[in-house]
Amino acid sequence: MVTGMPNTANTGQDEHERQGLPYQEPLRTWAGRGSGALCNLCGHVIKAQDIEYEIDVPPADSGRSLRFHFNCYRTWEAQRRDQG
């Protein structure tokens, strides 16, 4: 069971845009145990018992990665698809 998950039910497009998150198709996506990094959507720590998604975003030479909790990733992905 994933514990300590933030409530993302109220995380809407305004929050997404305020964070400056990109809507482009990811170059690569990984999932694994939380690394203690901050989630780019909700701002909470992604704990070791949580699933962490790491996303490489274009351009390829930017070296920019996004990190999300599982539910935050799902929210970001749904919003990204709606923008597409």
C-alpha atoms as a PDB file:
ATOM      1  CA  MET A   1       0.000   0.000   0.000  1.00  0.00           C
ATOM      2  CA  VAL A   2       1.260   3.453  -0.878  1.00  0.00           C
ATOM      3  CA  THR A   3       1.293   5.705   2.172  1.00  0.00           C
ATOM      4  CA  GLY A   4       1.755   9.402   2.630  1.00  0.00           C
ATOM      5  CA  MET A   5       0.280  10.168  -0.774  1.00  0.00           C
ATOM      6  CA  PRO A   6      -0.851  13.756  -1.237  1.00  0.00           C
ATOM      7  CA  ASN A   7      -4.433  14.355  -2.288  1.00  0.00           C
ATOM      8  CA  THR A   8      -4.249  15.239  -5.975  1.00  0.00           C
ATOM      9  CA  ALA A   9      -8.012  15.368  -6.522  1.00  0.00           C
ATOM     10  CA  ASN A  10      -7.930  19.172  -6.404  1.00  0.00           C
ATOM     11  CA  THR A  11      -4.757  19.524  -8.480  1.00  0.00           C
ATOM     12  CA  GLY A  12      -6.122  21.204 -11.588  1.00  0.00           C
ATOM     13  CA  GLN A  13      -4.716  22.841 -14.663  1.00  0.00           C
ATOM     14  CA  ASP A  14      -4.067  26.136 -12.833  1.00  0.00           C
ATOM     15  CA  GLU A  15      -1.688  24.354 -10.439  1.00  0.00           C
ATOM     16  CA  HIS A  16      -0.094  22.559 -13.379  1.00  0.00           C
ATOM     17  CA  GLU A  17       0.561  25.817 -15.217  1.00  0.00           C
ATOM     18  CA  ARG A  18       1.768  27.598 -12.080  1.00  0.00           C
ATOM     19  CA  GLN A  19       4.425  24.923 -11.639  1.00  0.00           C
ATOM     20  CA  GLY A  20       5.638  25.585 -15.207  1.00  0.00           C
ATOM     21  CA  LEU A  21       5.395  21.905 -16.100  1.00  0.00           C
ATOM     22  CA  PRO A  22       5.798  21.024 -19.777  1.00  0.00           C
ATOM     23  CA  TYR A  23       3.068  19.366 -21.799  1.00  0.00           C
ATOM     24  CA  GLN A  24       5.377  17.787 -24.407  1.00  0.00           C
ATOM     25  CA  GLU A  25       5.557  14.060 -25.035  1.00  0.00           C
ATOM     26  CA  PRO A  26       8.185  12.638 -22.656  1.00  0.00           C
ATOM     27  CA  LEU A  27      11.405  11.303 -24.137  1.00  0.00           C
ATOM     28  CA  ARG A  28      11.628   8.552 -21.502  1.00  0.00           C
ATOM     29  CA  THR A  29       9.677   7.462 -18.441  1.00  0.00           C
ATOM     30  CA  TRP A  30      10.874   5.336 -15.543  1.00  0.00           C
ATOM     31  CA  ALA A  31       9.102   4.151 -12.414  1.00  0.00           C
ATOM     32  CA  GLY A  32      10.558   2.799  -9.213  1.00  0.00           C
ATOM     33  CA  ARG A  33      10.858   3.366  -5.491  1.00  0.00           C
ATOM     34  CA  GLY A  34      10.750   6.905  -4.210  1.00  0.00           C
ATOM     35  CA  SER A  35      14.124   8.604  -3.927  1.00  0.00           C
ATOM     36  CA  GLY A  36      13.223  11.361  -1.466  1.00  0.00           C
ATOM     37  CA  ALA A  37      12.974  13.930  -4.272  1.00  0.00           C
ATOM     38  CA  LEU A  38      10.215  16.526  -4.314  1.00  0.00           C
ATOM     39  CA  CYS A  39       7.266  15.854  -6.602  1.00  0.00           C
ATOM     40  CA  ASN A  40       7.128  18.421  -9.387  1.00  0.00           C
ATOM     41  CA  LEU A  41       3.333  18.581  -9.236  1.00  0.00           C
ATOM     42  CA  CYS A  42       2.390  18.623  -5.543  1.00  0.00           C
ATOM     43  CA  GLY A  43       5.724  19.600  -3.971  1.00  0.00           C
ATOM     44  CA  HIS A  44       5.704  16.805  -1.371  1.00  0.00           C
ATOM     45  CA  VAL A  45       8.589  14.393  -0.796  1.00  0.00           C
ATOM     46  CA  ILE A  46       8.359  11.109  -2.715  1.00  0.00           C
ATOM     47  CA  LYS A  47       9.109   8.638   0.074  1.00  0.00           C
ATOM     48  CA  ALA A  48      10.863   5.287  -0.360  1.00  0.00           C
ATOM     49  CA  GLN A  49       7.556   3.419   0.079  1.00  0.00           C
ATOM     50  CA  ASP A  50       5.955   5.489  -2.716  1.00  0.00           C
ATOM     51  CA  ILE A  51       6.154   4.825  -6.445  1.00  0.00           C
ATOM     52  CA  GLU A  52       8.176   7.551  -8.161  1.00  0.00           C
ATOM     53  CA  TYR A  53       7.898   8.370 -11.857  1.00  0.00           C
ATOM     54  CA  GLU A  54      10.858  10.084 -13.482  1.00  0.00           C
ATOM     55  CA  ILE A  55      10.204  11.746 -16.825  1.00  0.00           C
ATOM     56  CA  ASP A  56      12.805  13.100 -19.266  1.00  0.00           C
ATOM     57  CA  VAL A  57      11.338  16.009 -21.171  1.00  0.00           C
ATOM     58  CA  PRO A  58      12.378  17.605 -24.477  1.00  0.00           C
ATOM     59  CA  PRO A  59      14.562  19.031 -25.717  1.00  0.00           C
ATOM     60  CA  ALA A  60      16.855  16.058 -25.274  1.00  0.00           C
ATOM     61  CA  ASP A  61      19.877  18.209 -24.484  1.00  0.00           C
ATOM     62  CA  SER A  62      18.094  20.107 -21.682  1.00  0.00           C
ATOM     63  CA  GLY A  63      18.815  17.417 -19.118  1.00  0.00           C
ATOM     64  CA  ARG A  64      15.497  18.273 -17.468  1.00  0.00           C
ATOM     65  CA  SER A  65      13.719  15.546 -15.532  1.00  0.00           C
ATOM     66  CA  LEU A  66      10.399  15.663 -13.749  1.00  0.00           C
ATOM     67  CA  ARG A  67       9.569  13.494 -10.753  1.00  0.00           C
ATOM     68  CA  PHE A  68       6.064  12.585  -9.628  1.00  0.00           C
ATOM     69  CA  HIS A  69       4.154  10.438  -7.163  1.00  0.00           C
ATOM     70  CA  PHE A  70       2.087   7.773  -8.947  1.00  0.00           C
ATOM     71  CA  ASN A  71      -1.173   9.753  -8.625  1.00  0.00           C
ATOM     72  CA  CYS A  72       0.537  13.017  -9.532  1.00  0.00           C
ATOM     73  CA  TYR A  73       1.992  11.369 -12.646  1.00  0.00           C
ATOM     74  CA  ARG A  74      -1.491  10.215 -13.641  1.00  0.00           C
ATOM     75  CA  THR A  75      -2.816  13.773 -13.180  1.00  0.00           C
ATOM     76  CA  TRP A  76       0.051  15.272 -15.204  1.00  0.00           C
ATOM     77  CA  GLU A  77      -0.336  12.665 -17.969  1.00  0.00           C
ATOM     78  CA  ALA A  78      -4.105  13.270 -18.246  1.00  0.00           C
ATOM     79  CA  GLN A  79      -3.581  17.029 -18.445  1.00  0.00           C
ATOM     80  CA  ARG A  80      -0.776  16.573 -20.984  1.00  0.00           C
ATOM     81  CA  ARG A  81      -3.020  14.438 -23.194  1.00  0.00           C
ATOM     82  CA  ASP A  82      -5.856  16.967 -22.923  1.00  0.00           C
ATOM     83  CA  GLN A  83      -3.458  19.652 -24.190  1.00  0.00           C
ATOM     84  CA  GLY A  84      -2.367  17.503 -27.136  1.00  0.00           C
END
